[in-house]
Every structure is written in C-alpha cells, then in structure tokens.
Amino acid sequence: MIDRPHRHESTEVLKEALARTGADAQRYAQTGPKKYEDALHQIADQFLDELEQRGELSP
C-alpha cells in the first residue's frame, strides 16, 4: 500500500503548500544548507504524488 500522508488535505491546501515548499527549496538551493533543500524536495514530492493520485496534474 502506498503511504499517503497528505490524503486528508484539500487539493487547494496541497497546491499552496507545494508552491511554498518549492519557493523555500529554491531559497535553500541558493543559500544552503543542502540537507534542508533535499528535505524540502522530498516533501514537495509527497505533495506532487498526492495531487497525481487525485488526477489533479495535467499530463
């Protein structure tokens, strides 16, 4: 079974969180540390996975 930690969040909340997480990851890509950037990318991937499961992403 696929772990879906964000399955109870609304689609709007997920999209907003993805945007914020992406912006934070870009900031850490410029300023460091790398481990924070990597962690944020992992969280963004979880948001993307959940949106994909819901069919909210354009092909």
PDB file of N, CA and C in Angstrom:
ATOM      1  N   MET A   1       0.842  -1.185   0.000  1.00  0.00           N
ATOM      2  CA  MET A   1       0.000   0.000   0.000  1.00  0.00           C
ATOM      3  C   MET A   1       0.885   1.245   0.000  1.00  0.00           C
ATOM      4  N   ILE A   2       0.471   2.237  -0.764  1.00  0.00           N
ATOM      5  CA  ILE A   2       1.220   3.482  -0.865  1.00  0.00           C
ATOM      6  C   ILE A   2       0.909   4.357   0.341  1.00  0.00           C
ATOM      7  N   ASP A   3       1.965   4.895   0.958  1.00  0.00           N
ATOM      8  CA  ASP A   3       1.792   5.812   2.072  1.00  0.00           C
ATOM      9  C   ASP A   3       1.357   7.165   1.514  1.00  0.00           C
ATOM     10  N   ARG A   4       0.226   7.675   1.982  1.00  0.00           N
ATOM     11  CA  ARG A   4      -0.298   8.952   1.508  1.00  0.00           C
ATOM     12  C   ARG A   4      -0.538   9.859   2.710  1.00  0.00           C
ATOM     13  N   PRO A   5       0.540  10.466   3.240  1.00  0.00           N
ATOM     14  CA  PRO A   5       0.413  11.249   4.466  1.00  0.00           C
ATOM     15  C   PRO A   5      -0.454  12.504   4.324  1.00  0.00           C
ATOM     16  N   HIS A   6      -0.705  12.952   3.102  1.00  0.00           N
ATOM     17  CA  HIS A   6      -1.460  14.190   2.896  1.00  0.00           C
ATOM     18  C   HIS A   6      -2.841  13.942   2.299  1.00  0.00           C
ATOM     19  N   ARG A   7      -3.344  12.717   2.409  1.00  0.00           N
ATOM     20  CA  ARG A   7      -4.602  12.361   1.756  1.00  0.00           C
ATOM     21  C   ARG A   7      -5.805  13.108   2.322  1.00  0.00           C
ATOM     22  N   HIS A   8      -5.707  13.631   3.517  1.00  0.00           N
ATOM     23  CA  HIS A   8      -6.842  14.321   4.127  1.00  0.00           C
ATOM     24  C   HIS A   8      -6.838  15.820   3.863  1.00  0.00           C
ATOM     25  N   GLU A   9      -5.786  16.323   3.229  1.00  0.00           N
ATOM     26  CA  GLU A   9      -5.712  17.750   2.917  1.00  0.00           C
ATOM     27  C   GLU A   9      -6.496  18.048   1.645  1.00  0.00           C
ATOM     28  N   SER A  10      -7.053  19.240   1.571  1.00  0.00           N
ATOM     29  CA  SER A  10      -7.782  19.617   0.357  1.00  0.00           C
ATOM     30  C   SER A  10      -6.782  19.853  -0.776  1.00  0.00           C
ATOM     31  N   THR A  11      -7.268  19.762  -1.993  1.00  0.00           N
ATOM     32  CA  THR A  11      -6.415  19.986  -3.160  1.00  0.00           C
ATOM     33  C   THR A  11      -5.844  21.396  -3.132  1.00  0.00           C
ATOM     34  N   GLU A  12      -6.644  22.371  -2.757  1.00  0.00           N
ATOM     35  CA  GLU A  12      -6.175  23.760  -2.693  1.00  0.00           C
ATOM     36  C   GLU A  12      -5.031  23.902  -1.685  1.00  0.00           C
ATOM     37  N   VAL A  13      -5.188  23.297  -0.524  1.00  0.00           N
ATOM     38  CA  VAL A  13      -4.143  23.355   0.506  1.00  0.00           C
ATOM     39  C   VAL A  13      -2.860  22.711  -0.015  1.00  0.00           C
ATOM     40  N   LEU A  14      -2.985  21.587  -0.698  1.00  0.00           N
ATOM     41  CA  LEU A  14      -1.802  20.912  -1.237  1.00  0.00           C
ATOM     42  C   LEU A  14      -1.086  21.767  -2.271  1.00  0.00           C
ATOM     43  N   LYS A  15      -1.840  22.409  -3.144  1.00  0.00           N
ATOM     44  CA  LYS A  15      -1.225  23.248  -4.172  1.00  0.00           C
ATOM     45  C   LYS A  15      -0.520  24.448  -3.555  1.00  0.00           C
ATOM     46  N   GLU A  16      -1.125  25.062  -2.542  1.00  0.00           N
ATOM     47  CA  GLU A  16      -0.493  26.182  -1.850  1.00  0.00           C
ATOM     48  C   GLU A  16       0.775  25.724  -1.124  1.00  0.00           C
ATOM     49  N   ALA A  17       0.691  24.587  -0.473  1.00  0.00           N
ATOM     50  CA  ALA A  17       1.853  24.055   0.244  1.00  0.00           C
ATOM     51  C   ALA A  17       2.978  23.702  -0.722  1.00  0.00           C
ATOM     52  N   LEU A  18       2.619  23.163  -1.885  1.00  0.00           N
ATOM     53  CA  LEU A  18       3.619  22.832  -2.891  1.00  0.00           C
ATOM     54  C   LEU A  18       4.331  24.098  -3.368  1.00  0.00           C
ATOM     55  N   ALA A  19       3.584  25.157  -3.596  1.00  0.00           N
ATOM     56  CA  ALA A  19       4.189  26.418  -4.036  1.00  0.00           C
ATOM     57  C   ALA A  19       5.140  26.972  -2.975  1.00  0.00           C
ATOM     58  N   ARG A  20       4.711  26.966  -1.722  1.00  0.00           N
ATOM     59  CA  ARG A  20       5.571  27.465  -0.635  1.00  0.00           C
ATOM     60  C   ARG A  20       6.814  26.604  -0.475  1.00  0.00           C
ATOM     61  N   THR A  21       6.635  25.305  -0.525  1.00  0.00           N
ATOM     62  CA  THR A  21       7.752  24.374  -0.361  1.00  0.00           C
ATOM     63  C   THR A  21       8.755  24.542  -1.498  1.00  0.00           C
ATOM     64  N   GLY A  22       8.252  24.708  -2.719  1.00  0.00           N
ATOM     65  CA  GLY A  22       9.131  24.926  -3.863  1.00  0.00           C
ATOM     66  C   GLY A  22       9.934  26.206  -3.729  1.00  0.00           C
ATOM     67  N   ALA A  23       9.289  27.268  -3.275  1.00  0.00           N
ATOM     68  CA  ALA A  23       9.995  28.538  -3.076  1.00  0.00           C
ATOM     69  C   ALA A  23      11.065  28.401  -2.000  1.00  0.00           C
ATOM     70  N   ASP A  24      10.733  27.721  -0.909  1.00  0.00           N
ATOM     71  CA  ASP A  24      11.720  27.513   0.155  1.00  0.00           C
ATOM     72  C   ASP A  24      12.892  26.672  -0.340  1.00  0.00           C
ATOM     73  N   ALA A  25      12.605  25.644  -1.126  1.00  0.00           N
ATOM     74  CA  ALA A  25      13.672  24.793  -1.660  1.00  0.00           C
ATOM     75  C   ALA A  25      14.599  25.601  -2.568  1.00  0.00           C
ATOM     76  N   GLN A  26      14.032  26.489  -3.374  1.00  0.00           N
ATOM     77  CA  GLN A  26      14.865  27.334  -4.240  1.00  0.00           C
ATOM     78  C   GLN A  26      15.755  28.249  -3.404  1.00  0.00           C
ATOM     79  N   ARG A  27      15.202  28.795  -2.328  1.00  0.00           N
ATOM     80  CA  ARG A  27      15.996  29.664  -1.457  1.00  0.00           C
ATOM     81  C   ARG A  27      17.166  28.882  -0.848  1.00  0.00           C
ATOM     82  N   TYR A  28      16.884  27.686  -0.354  1.00  0.00           N
ATOM     83  CA  TYR A  28      17.954  26.885   0.234  1.00  0.00           C
ATOM     84  C   TYR A  28      18.946  26.403  -0.819  1.00  0.00           C
ATOM     85  N   ALA A  29      18.510  26.262  -2.061  1.00  0.00           N
ATOM     86  CA  ALA A  29      19.432  25.889  -3.135  1.00  0.00           C
ATOM     87  C   ALA A  29      20.475  26.984  -3.330  1.00  0.00           C
ATOM     88  N   GLN A  30      20.080  28.221  -3.072  1.00  0.00           N
ATOM     89  CA  GLN A  30      20.997  29.346  -3.236  1.00  0.00           C
ATOM     90  C   GLN A  30      21.832  29.611  -1.996  1.00  0.00           C
ATOM     91  N   THR A  31      21.239  29.374  -0.821  1.00  0.00           N
ATOM     92  CA  THR A  31      21.913  29.776   0.416  1.00  0.00           C
ATOM     93  C   THR A  31      22.404  28.607   1.258  1.00  0.00           C
ATOM     94  N   GLY A  32      21.849  27.413   1.018  1.00  0.00           N
ATOM     95  CA  GLY A  32      22.224  26.254   1.824  1.00  0.00           C
ATOM     96  C   GLY A  32      21.466  26.251   3.126  1.00  0.00           C
ATOM     97  N   PRO A  33      21.637  25.283   3.942  1.00  0.00           N
ATOM     98  CA  PRO A  33      22.396  24.059   3.706  1.00  0.00           C
ATOM     99  C   PRO A  33      21.640  23.084   2.793  1.00  0.00           C
ATOM    100  N   LYS A  34      22.400  22.259   2.130  1.00  0.00           N
ATOM    101  CA  LYS A  34      21.882  21.313   1.139  1.00  0.00           C
ATOM    102  C   LYS A  34      20.875  20.340   1.756  1.00  0.00           C
ATOM    103  N   LYS A  35      21.091  19.932   3.009  1.00  0.00           N
ATOM    104  CA  LYS A  35      20.185  18.958   3.626  1.00  0.00           C
ATOM    105  C   LYS A  35      18.770  19.525   3.753  1.00  0.00           C
ATOM    106  N   TYR A  36      18.631  20.846   3.949  1.00  0.00           N
ATOM    107  CA  TYR A  36      17.304  21.456   4.013  1.00  0.00           C
ATOM    108  C   TYR A  36      16.655  21.461   2.634  1.00  0.00           C
ATOM    109  N   GLU A  37      17.440  21.784   1.618  1.00  0.00           N
ATOM    110  CA  GLU A  37      16.930  21.753   0.252  1.00  0.00           C
ATOM    111  C   GLU A  37      16.427  20.349  -0.093  1.00  0.00           C
ATOM    112  N   ASP A  38      17.226  19.343   0.224  1.00  0.00           N
ATOM    113  CA  ASP A  38      16.848  17.954  -0.068  1.00  0.00           C
ATOM    114  C   ASP A  38      15.566  17.553   0.667  1.00  0.00           C
ATOM    115  N   ALA A  39      15.462  17.946   1.928  1.00  0.00           N
ATOM    116  CA  ALA A  39      14.275  17.617   2.717  1.00  0.00           C
ATOM    117  C   ALA A  39      13.031  18.274   2.118  1.00  0.00           C
ATOM    118  N   LEU A  40      13.161  19.516   1.694  1.00  0.00           N
ATOM    119  CA  LEU A  40      12.026  20.211   1.092  1.00  0.00           C
ATOM    120  C   LEU A  40      11.620  19.576  -0.233  1.00  0.00           C
ATOM    121  N   HIS A  41      12.582  19.114  -0.999  1.00  0.00           N
ATOM    122  CA  HIS A  41      12.254  18.429  -2.247  1.00  0.00           C
ATOM    123  C   HIS A  41      11.501  17.126  -1.966  1.00  0.00           C
ATOM    124  N   GLN A  42      11.865  16.431  -0.907  1.00  0.00           N
ATOM    125  CA  GLN A  42      11.155  15.204  -0.553  1.00  0.00           C
ATOM    126  C   GLN A  42       9.707  15.502  -0.163  1.00  0.00           C
ATOM    127  N   ILE A  43       9.504  16.584   0.574  1.00  0.00           N
ATOM    128  CA  ILE A  43       8.150  16.975   0.963  1.00  0.00           C
ATOM    129  C   ILE A  43       7.353  17.381  -0.274  1.00  0.00           C
ATOM    130  N   ALA A  44       7.968  18.148  -1.169  1.00  0.00           N
ATOM    131  CA  ALA A  44       7.295  18.556  -2.408  1.00  0.00           C
ATOM    132  C   ALA A  44       6.905  17.327  -3.226  1.00  0.00           C
ATOM    133  N   ASP A  45       7.764  16.330  -3.252  1.00  0.00           N
ATOM    134  CA  ASP A  45       7.443  15.086  -3.973  1.00  0.00           C
ATOM    135  C   ASP A  45       6.212  14.408  -3.382  1.00  0.00           C
ATOM    136  N   GLN A  46       6.060  14.458  -2.060  1.00  0.00           N
ATOM    137  CA  GLN A  46       4.868  13.881  -1.426  1.00  0.00           C
ATOM    138  C   GLN A  46       3.614  14.635  -1.874  1.00  0.00           C
ATOM    139  N   PHE A  47       3.698  15.972  -1.915  1.00  0.00           N
ATOM    140  CA  PHE A  47       2.557  16.764  -2.375  1.00  0.00           C
ATOM    141  C   PHE A  47       2.233  16.427  -3.825  1.00  0.00           C
ATOM    142  N   LEU A  48       3.253  16.338  -4.665  1.00  0.00           N
ATOM    143  CA  LEU A  48       3.033  16.006  -6.074  1.00  0.00           C
ATOM    144  C   LEU A  48       2.429  14.617  -6.232  1.00  0.00           C
ATOM    145  N   ASP A  49       2.916  13.658  -5.466  1.00  0.00           N
ATOM    146  CA  ASP A  49       2.377  12.294  -5.525  1.00  0.00           C
ATOM    147  C   ASP A  49       0.886  12.285  -5.180  1.00  0.00           C
ATOM    148  N   GLU A  50       0.521  13.027  -4.141  1.00  0.00           N
ATOM    149  CA  GLU A  50      -0.880  13.064  -3.735  1.00  0.00           C
ATOM    150  C   GLU A  50      -1.731  13.735  -4.810  1.00  0.00           C
ATOM    151  N   LEU A  51      -1.259  14.831  -5.383  1.00  0.00           N
ATOM    152  CA  LEU A  51      -2.012  15.502  -6.446  1.00  0.00           C
ATOM    153  C   LEU A  51      -2.143  14.594  -7.666  1.00  0.00           C
ATOM    154  N   GLU A  52      -1.110  13.836  -7.958  1.00  0.00           N
ATOM    155  CA  GLU A  52      -1.158  12.900  -9.077  1.00  0.00           C
ATOM    156  C   GLU A  52      -2.192  11.802  -8.810  1.00  0.00           C
ATOM    157  N   GLN A  53      -2.216  11.278  -7.601  1.00  0.00           N
ATOM    158  CA  GLN A  53      -3.193  10.243  -7.224  1.00  0.00           C
ATOM    159  C   GLN A  53      -4.623  10.744  -7.425  1.00  0.00           C
ATOM    160  N   ARG A  54      -4.822  12.036  -7.192  1.00  0.00           N
ATOM    161  CA  ARG A  54      -6.158  12.623  -7.327  1.00  0.00           C
ATOM    162  C   ARG A  54      -6.482  13.010  -8.769  1.00  0.00           C
ATOM    163  N   GLY A  55      -5.504  12.919  -9.644  1.00  0.00           N
ATOM    164  CA  GLY A  55      -5.727  13.294 -11.034  1.00  0.00           C
ATOM    165  C   GLY A  55      -5.743  14.793 -11.248  1.00  0.00           C
ATOM    166  N   GLU A  56      -5.068  15.528 -10.372  1.00  0.00           N
ATOM    167  CA  GLU A  56      -5.075  16.987 -10.429  1.00  0.00           C
ATOM    168  C   GLU A  56      -3.953  17.571 -11.280  1.00  0.00           C
ATOM    169  N   LEU A  57      -3.055  16.732 -11.772  1.00  0.00           N
ATOM    170  CA  LEU A  57      -1.935  17.228 -12.565  1.00  0.00           C
ATOM    171  C   LEU A  57      -2.216  17.043 -14.035  1.00  0.00           C
ATOM    172  N   SER A  58      -1.888  18.044 -14.807  1.00  0.00           N
ATOM    173  CA  SER A  58      -2.066  17.941 -16.260  1.00  0.00           C
ATOM    174  C   SER A  58      -1.010  17.018 -16.847  1.00  0.00           C
ATOM    175  N   PRO A  59      -1.384  16.221 -17.845  1.00  0.00           N
ATOM    176  CA  PRO A  59      -0.389  15.312 -18.450  1.00  0.00           C
ATOM    177  C   PRO A  59       0.666  16.070 -19.241  1.00  0.00           C
TER     178      PRO A  59
END
